[in-house]
Amino acid sequence: YDSGLHNVAMARKYYEKTIELYPNTF
């Protein structure tokens, strides 16, 4: 969403989801 579709809102949503669901990962 970020680099391919340039959709900042959706990119932010899934970046935040990554941190929420998998907090102690690379």
PDB file of all heavy atoms in Angstrom:
ATOM      1  N   TYR A   1       0.834  -1.205   0.000  1.00  0.00           N
ATOM      2  CA  TYR A   1       0.000   0.000   0.000  1.00  0.00           C
ATOM      3  C   TYR A   1       0.870   1.258   0.000  1.00  0.00           C
ATOM      4  O   TYR A   1       0.535   2.252  -0.641  1.00  0.00           O
ATOM      5  CB  TYR A   1      -0.909   0.016   1.228  1.00  0.00           C
ATOM      6  CG  TYR A   1      -2.219  -0.701   1.035  1.00  0.00           C
ATOM      7  CD1 TYR A   1      -2.590  -1.749   1.873  1.00  0.00           C
ATOM      8  CD2 TYR A   1      -3.108  -0.327   0.024  1.00  0.00           C
ATOM      9  CE1 TYR A   1      -3.807  -2.414   1.702  1.00  0.00           C
ATOM     10  CE2 TYR A   1      -4.321  -0.988  -0.154  1.00  0.00           C
ATOM     11  CZ  TYR A   1      -4.662  -2.018   0.689  1.00  0.00           C
ATOM     12  OH  TYR A   1      -5.866  -2.672   0.515  1.00  0.00           O
ATOM     13  N   ASP A   2       1.983   1.178   0.695  1.00  0.00           N
ATOM     14  CA  ASP A   2       2.886   2.324   0.832  1.00  0.00           C
ATOM     15  C   ASP A   2       3.653   2.593  -0.466  1.00  0.00           C
ATOM     16  O   ASP A   2       3.477   3.625  -1.120  1.00  0.00           O
ATOM     17  CB  ASP A   2       3.853   2.041   1.981  1.00  0.00           C
ATOM     18  CG  ASP A   2       4.756   3.218   2.326  1.00  0.00           C
ATOM     19  OD1 ASP A   2       4.644   4.281   1.696  1.00  0.00           O
ATOM     20  OD2 ASP A   2       5.589   3.054   3.242  1.00  0.00           O
ATOM     21  N   SER A   3       4.469   1.639  -0.874  1.00  0.00           N
ATOM     22  CA  SER A   3       5.381   1.860  -1.999  1.00  0.00           C
ATOM     23  C   SER A   3       4.767   1.557  -3.360  1.00  0.00           C
ATOM     24  O   SER A   3       5.195   2.121  -4.363  1.00  0.00           O
ATOM     25  CB  SER A   3       6.639   1.009  -1.814  1.00  0.00           C
ATOM     26  OG  SER A   3       7.332   1.396  -0.654  1.00  0.00           O
ATOM     27  N   GLY A   4       3.776   0.659  -3.387  1.00  0.00           N
ATOM     28  CA  GLY A   4       3.187   0.286  -4.667  1.00  0.00           C
ATOM     29  C   GLY A   4       1.976   1.103  -5.050  1.00  0.00           C
ATOM     30  O   GLY A   4       1.877   1.605  -6.166  1.00  0.00           O
ATOM     31  N   LEU A   5       1.059   1.270  -4.091  1.00  0.00           N
ATOM     32  CA  LEU A   5      -0.197   1.961  -4.374  1.00  0.00           C
ATOM     33  C   LEU A   5      -0.232   3.385  -3.831  1.00  0.00           C
ATOM     34  O   LEU A   5      -1.172   4.138  -4.122  1.00  0.00           O
ATOM     35  CB  LEU A   5      -1.370   1.159  -3.789  1.00  0.00           C
ATOM     36  CG  LEU A   5      -1.553  -0.243  -4.376  1.00  0.00           C
ATOM     37  CD1 LEU A   5      -2.677  -0.988  -3.650  1.00  0.00           C
ATOM     38  CD2 LEU A   5      -1.846  -0.167  -5.869  1.00  0.00           C
ATOM     39  N   HIS A   6       0.767   3.753  -3.025  1.00  0.00           N
ATOM     40  CA  HIS A   6       0.869   5.113  -2.451  1.00  0.00           C
ATOM     41  C   HIS A   6      -0.406   5.503  -1.713  1.00  0.00           C
ATOM     42  O   HIS A   6      -0.889   6.631  -1.820  1.00  0.00           O
ATOM     43  CB  HIS A   6       1.198   6.130  -3.547  1.00  0.00           C
ATOM     44  CG  HIS A   6       2.414   5.773  -4.340  1.00  0.00           C
ATOM     45  ND1 HIS A   6       3.681   5.735  -3.785  1.00  0.00           N
ATOM     46  CD2 HIS A   6       2.560   5.409  -5.640  1.00  0.00           C
ATOM     47  CE1 HIS A   6       4.559   5.381  -4.707  1.00  0.00           C
ATOM     48  NE2 HIS A   6       3.899   5.170  -5.842  1.00  0.00           N
ATOM     49  N   ASN A   7      -0.934   4.537  -0.965  1.00  0.00           N
ATOM     50  CA  ASN A   7      -2.121   4.767  -0.150  1.00  0.00           C
ATOM     51  C   ASN A   7      -1.667   4.858   1.300  1.00  0.00           C
ATOM     52  O   ASN A   7      -1.516   3.841   1.983  1.00  0.00           O
ATOM     53  CB  ASN A   7      -3.120   3.620  -0.348  1.00  0.00           C
ATOM     54  CG  ASN A   7      -4.437   3.858   0.360  1.00  0.00           C
ATOM     55  OD1 ASN A   7      -4.500   4.498   1.399  1.00  0.00           O
ATOM     56  ND2 ASN A   7      -5.508   3.325  -0.204  1.00  0.00           N
ATOM     57  N   VAL A   8      -1.427   6.083   1.764  1.00  0.00           N
ATOM     58  CA  VAL A   8      -0.827   6.293   3.080  1.00  0.00           C
ATOM     59  C   VAL A   8      -1.725   5.764   4.200  1.00  0.00           C
ATOM     60  O   VAL A   8      -1.241   5.147   5.151  1.00  0.00           O
ATOM     61  CB  VAL A   8      -0.518   7.789   3.292  1.00  0.00           C
ATOM     62  CG1 VAL A   8      -0.075   8.053   4.730  1.00  0.00           C
ATOM     63  CG2 VAL A   8       0.570   8.242   2.320  1.00  0.00           C
ATOM     64  N   ALA A   9      -3.021   6.004   4.094  1.00  0.00           N
ATOM     65  CA  ALA A   9      -3.937   5.584   5.162  1.00  0.00           C
ATOM     66  C   ALA A   9      -3.919   4.069   5.348  1.00  0.00           C
ATOM     67  O   ALA A   9      -3.849   3.567   6.484  1.00  0.00           O
ATOM     68  CB  ALA A   9      -5.355   6.066   4.849  1.00  0.00           C
ATOM     69  N   MET A  10      -3.987   3.329   4.242  1.00  0.00           N
ATOM     70  CA  MET A  10      -3.980   1.869   4.338  1.00  0.00           C
ATOM     71  C   MET A  10      -2.608   1.341   4.743  1.00  0.00           C
ATOM     72  O   MET A  10      -2.493   0.348   5.468  1.00  0.00           O
ATOM     73  CB  MET A  10      -4.418   1.253   3.013  1.00  0.00           C
ATOM     74  CG  MET A  10      -5.870   1.509   2.664  1.00  0.00           C
ATOM     75  SD  MET A  10      -7.021   0.860   3.907  1.00  0.00           S
ATOM     76  CE  MET A  10      -6.834  -0.907   3.652  1.00  0.00           C
ATOM     77  N   ALA A  11      -1.566   1.995   4.280  1.00  0.00           N
ATOM     78  CA  ALA A  11      -0.213   1.586   4.680  1.00  0.00           C
ATOM     79  C   ALA A  11      -0.053   1.736   6.187  1.00  0.00           C
ATOM     80  O   ALA A  11       0.431   0.820   6.871  1.00  0.00           O
ATOM     81  CB  ALA A  11       0.823   2.434   3.946  1.00  0.00           C
ATOM     82  N   ARG A  12      -0.479   2.880   6.696  1.00  0.00           N
ATOM     83  CA  ARG A  12      -0.389   3.115   8.132  1.00  0.00           C
ATOM     84  C   ARG A  12      -1.204   2.068   8.906  1.00  0.00           C
ATOM     85  O   ARG A  12      -0.748   1.561   9.941  1.00  0.00           O
ATOM     86  CB  ARG A  12      -0.884   4.526   8.449  1.00  0.00           C
ATOM     87  CG  ARG A  12      -0.833   4.888   9.920  1.00  0.00           C
ATOM     88  CD  ARG A  12      -1.201   6.342  10.141  1.00  0.00           C
ATOM     89  NE  ARG A  12      -0.141   7.209   9.650  1.00  0.00           N
ATOM     90  CZ  ARG A  12       0.964   7.487  10.330  1.00  0.00           C
ATOM     91  NH1 ARG A  12       1.149   6.948  11.528  1.00  0.00           N
ATOM     92  NH2 ARG A  12       1.871   8.280   9.827  1.00  0.00           N
ATOM     93  N   LYS A  13      -2.387   1.744   8.417  1.00  0.00           N
ATOM     94  CA  LYS A  13      -3.250   0.756   9.079  1.00  0.00           C
ATOM     95  C   LYS A  13      -2.536  -0.584   9.245  1.00  0.00           C
ATOM     96  O   LYS A  13      -2.562  -1.178  10.331  1.00  0.00           O
ATOM     97  CB  LYS A  13      -4.531   0.570   8.264  1.00  0.00           C
ATOM     98  CG  LYS A  13      -5.433  -0.548   8.779  1.00  0.00           C
ATOM     99  CD  LYS A  13      -6.649  -0.743   7.884  1.00  0.00           C
ATOM    100  CE  LYS A  13      -7.492  -1.930   8.344  1.00  0.00           C
ATOM    101  NZ  LYS A  13      -8.699  -2.113   7.489  1.00  0.00           N
ATOM    102  N   TYR A  14      -1.879  -1.044   8.177  1.00  0.00           N
ATOM    103  CA  TYR A  14      -1.259  -2.376   8.251  1.00  0.00           C
ATOM    104  C   TYR A  14       0.097  -2.348   8.940  1.00  0.00           C
ATOM    105  O   TYR A  14       0.498  -3.363   9.536  1.00  0.00           O
ATOM    106  CB  TYR A  14      -1.195  -2.999   6.859  1.00  0.00           C
ATOM    107  CG  TYR A  14      -2.527  -3.593   6.479  1.00  0.00           C
ATOM    108  CD1 TYR A  14      -3.473  -2.850   5.784  1.00  0.00           C
ATOM    109  CD2 TYR A  14      -2.871  -4.878   6.883  1.00  0.00           C
ATOM    110  CE1 TYR A  14      -4.727  -3.383   5.473  1.00  0.00           C
ATOM    111  CE2 TYR A  14      -4.111  -5.415   6.587  1.00  0.00           C
ATOM    112  CZ  TYR A  14      -5.034  -4.662   5.884  1.00  0.00           C
ATOM    113  OH  TYR A  14      -6.263  -5.189   5.598  1.00  0.00           O
ATOM    114  N   TYR A  15       0.797  -1.220   8.900  1.00  0.00           N
ATOM    115  CA  TYR A  15       2.009  -1.110   9.703  1.00  0.00           C
ATOM    116  C   TYR A  15       1.635  -1.173  11.193  1.00  0.00           C
ATOM    117  O   TYR A  15       2.293  -1.861  11.986  1.00  0.00           O
ATOM    118  CB  TYR A  15       2.736   0.198   9.399  1.00  0.00           C
ATOM    119  CG  TYR A  15       3.446   0.236   8.070  1.00  0.00           C
ATOM    120  CD1 TYR A  15       3.552   1.446   7.359  1.00  0.00           C
ATOM    121  CD2 TYR A  15       4.022  -0.904   7.517  1.00  0.00           C
ATOM    122  CE1 TYR A  15       4.217   1.492   6.135  1.00  0.00           C
ATOM    123  CE2 TYR A  15       4.681  -0.862   6.300  1.00  0.00           C
ATOM    124  CZ  TYR A  15       4.773   0.344   5.609  1.00  0.00           C
ATOM    125  OH  TYR A  15       5.432   0.394   4.403  1.00  0.00           O
ATOM    126  N   GLU A  16       0.593  -0.445  11.563  1.00  0.00           N
ATOM    127  CA  GLU A  16       0.153  -0.453  12.958  1.00  0.00           C
ATOM    128  C   GLU A  16      -0.367  -1.827  13.367  1.00  0.00           C
ATOM    129  O   GLU A  16      -0.156  -2.272  14.501  1.00  0.00           O
ATOM    130  CB  GLU A  16      -0.928   0.613  13.167  1.00  0.00           C
ATOM    131  CG  GLU A  16      -0.393   2.040  13.080  1.00  0.00           C
ATOM    132  CD  GLU A  16      -1.484   3.097  13.147  1.00  0.00           C
ATOM    133  OE1 GLU A  16      -2.681   2.726  13.007  1.00  0.00           O
ATOM    134  OE2 GLU A  16      -1.152   4.285  13.321  1.00  0.00           O
ATOM    135  N   LYS A  17      -1.029  -2.502  12.444  1.00  0.00           N
ATOM    136  CA  LYS A  17      -1.533  -3.848  12.720  1.00  0.00           C
ATOM    137  C   LYS A  17      -0.383  -4.816  12.949  1.00  0.00           C
ATOM    138  O   LYS A  17      -0.461  -5.703  13.806  1.00  0.00           O
ATOM    139  CB  LYS A  17      -2.406  -4.324  11.560  1.00  0.00           C
ATOM    140  CG  LYS A  17      -3.145  -5.622  11.816  1.00  0.00           C
ATOM    141  CD  LYS A  17      -4.098  -5.941  10.677  1.00  0.00           C
ATOM    142  CE  LYS A  17      -4.873  -7.219  10.940  1.00  0.00           C
ATOM    143  NZ  LYS A  17      -5.825  -7.521   9.829  1.00  0.00           N
ATOM    144  N   THR A  18       0.700  -4.650  12.190  1.00  0.00           N
ATOM    145  CA  THR A  18       1.884  -5.500  12.371  1.00  0.00           C
ATOM    146  C   THR A  18       2.449  -5.342  13.775  1.00  0.00           C
ATOM    147  O   THR A  18       2.782  -6.327  14.451  1.00  0.00           O
ATOM    148  CB  THR A  18       2.964  -5.145  11.335  1.00  0.00           C
ATOM    149  OG1 THR A  18       2.427  -5.261  10.016  1.00  0.00           O
ATOM    150  CG2 THR A  18       4.170  -6.065  11.469  1.00  0.00           C
ATOM    151  N   ILE A  19       2.543  -4.097  14.228  1.00  0.00           N
ATOM    152  CA  ILE A  19       3.085  -3.817  15.563  1.00  0.00           C
ATOM    153  C   ILE A  19       2.159  -4.366  16.650  1.00  0.00           C
ATOM    154  O   ILE A  19       2.617  -4.940  17.651  1.00  0.00           O
ATOM    155  CB  ILE A  19       3.283  -2.298  15.743  1.00  0.00           C
ATOM    156  CG1 ILE A  19       4.320  -1.786  14.739  1.00  0.00           C
ATOM    157  CG2 ILE A  19       3.709  -1.975  17.170  1.00  0.00           C
ATOM    158  CD1 ILE A  19       4.377  -0.279  14.631  1.00  0.00           C
ATOM    159  N   GLU A  20       0.846  -4.232  16.432  1.00  0.00           N
ATOM    160  CA  GLU A  20      -0.125  -4.693  17.421  1.00  0.00           C
ATOM    161  C   GLU A  20      -0.154  -6.217  17.542  1.00  0.00           C
ATOM    162  O   GLU A  20      -0.141  -6.758  18.658  1.00  0.00           O
ATOM    163  CB  GLU A  20      -1.517  -4.189  17.039  1.00  0.00           C
ATOM    164  CG  GLU A  20      -2.634  -4.679  17.957  1.00  0.00           C
ATOM    165  CD  GLU A  20      -4.021  -4.328  17.441  1.00  0.00           C
ATOM    166  OE1 GLU A  20      -4.120  -3.591  16.442  1.00  0.00           O
ATOM    167  OE2 GLU A  20      -4.995  -4.816  18.033  1.00  0.00           O
ATOM    168  N   LEU A  21      -0.182  -6.904  16.401  1.00  0.00           N
ATOM    169  CA  LEU A  21      -0.324  -8.361  16.428  1.00  0.00           C
ATOM    170  C   LEU A  21       0.992  -9.094  16.665  1.00  0.00           C
ATOM    171  O   LEU A  21       1.003 -10.184  17.241  1.00  0.00           O
ATOM    172  CB  LEU A  21      -0.940  -8.844  15.104  1.00  0.00           C
ATOM    173  CG  LEU A  21      -2.366  -8.372  14.802  1.00  0.00           C
ATOM    174  CD1 LEU A  21      -2.816  -8.903  13.440  1.00  0.00           C
ATOM    175  CD2 LEU A  21      -3.331  -8.831  15.886  1.00  0.00           C
ATOM    176  N   TYR A  22       2.092  -8.506  16.224  1.00  0.00           N
ATOM    177  CA  TYR A  22       3.389  -9.199  16.295  1.00  0.00           C
ATOM    178  C   TYR A  22       4.448  -8.264  16.880  1.00  0.00           C
ATOM    179  O   TYR A  22       5.418  -7.908  16.216  1.00  0.00           O
ATOM    180  CB  TYR A  22       3.785  -9.679  14.896  1.00  0.00           C
ATOM    181  CG  TYR A  22       2.684 -10.467  14.227  1.00  0.00           C
ATOM    182  CD1 TYR A  22       1.868  -9.888  13.252  1.00  0.00           C
ATOM    183  CD2 TYR A  22       2.421 -11.780  14.605  1.00  0.00           C
ATOM    184  CE1 TYR A  22       0.836 -10.601  12.657  1.00  0.00           C
ATOM    185  CE2 TYR A  22       1.384 -12.507  14.017  1.00  0.00           C
ATOM    186  CZ  TYR A  22       0.595 -11.906  13.049  1.00  0.00           C
ATOM    187  OH  TYR A  22      -0.429 -12.612  12.475  1.00  0.00           O
ATOM    188  N   PRO A  23       4.257  -7.827  18.133  1.00  0.00           N
ATOM    189  CA  PRO A  23       5.090  -6.762  18.710  1.00  0.00           C
ATOM    190  C   PRO A  23       6.573  -7.085  18.877  1.00  0.00           C
ATOM    191  O   PRO A  23       7.405  -6.197  18.817  1.00  0.00           O
ATOM    192  CB  PRO A  23       4.426  -6.516  20.073  1.00  0.00           C
ATOM    193  CG  PRO A  23       3.731  -7.805  20.394  1.00  0.00           C
ATOM    194  CD  PRO A  23       3.254  -8.339  19.078  1.00  0.00           C
ATOM    195  N   ASN A  24       6.917  -8.331  19.065  1.00  0.00           N
ATOM    196  CA  ASN A  24       8.315  -8.681  19.342  1.00  0.00           C
ATOM    197  C   ASN A  24       8.987  -9.360  18.163  1.00  0.00           C
ATOM    198  O   ASN A  24       9.751 -10.303  18.328  1.00  0.00           O
ATOM    199  CB  ASN A  24       8.379  -9.578  20.580  1.00  0.00           C
ATOM    200  CG  ASN A  24       7.807  -8.899  21.814  1.00  0.00           C
ATOM    201  OD1 ASN A  24       8.112  -7.738  22.082  1.00  0.00           O
ATOM    202  ND2 ASN A  24       6.974  -9.617  22.550  1.00  0.00           N
ATOM    203  N   THR A  25       8.705  -8.854  16.974  1.00  0.00           N
ATOM    204  CA  THR A  25       9.272  -9.461  15.772  1.00  0.00           C
ATOM    205  C   THR A  25      10.078  -8.444  14.976  1.00  0.00           C
ATOM    206  O   THR A  25       9.972  -7.228  15.174  1.00  0.00           O
ATOM    207  CB  THR A  25       8.155 -10.008  14.859  1.00  0.00           C
ATOM    208  OG1 THR A  25       7.354  -8.897  14.396  1.00  0.00           O
ATOM    209  CG2 THR A  25       7.269 -10.992  15.594  1.00  0.00           C
ATOM    210  N   PHE A  26      10.867  -8.969  14.061  1.00  0.00           N
ATOM    211  CA  PHE A  26      11.625  -8.124  13.141  1.00  0.00           C
ATOM    212  C   PHE A  26      10.689  -7.221  12.341  1.00  0.00           C
ATOM    213  O   PHE A  26      10.984  -6.048  12.103  1.00  0.00           O
ATOM    214  CB  PHE A  26      12.422  -9.025  12.190  1.00  0.00           C
ATOM    215  CG  PHE A  26      13.006  -8.305  11.006  1.00  0.00           C
ATOM    216  CD1 PHE A  26      14.173  -7.571  11.123  1.00  0.00           C
ATOM    217  CD2 PHE A  26      12.381  -8.362   9.766  1.00  0.00           C
ATOM    218  CE1 PHE A  26      14.717  -6.909  10.028  1.00  0.00           C
ATOM    219  CE2 PHE A  26      12.907  -7.710   8.671  1.00  0.00           C
ATOM    220  CZ  PHE A  26      14.077  -6.969   8.804  1.00  0.00           C
TER     221      PHE A  26
END
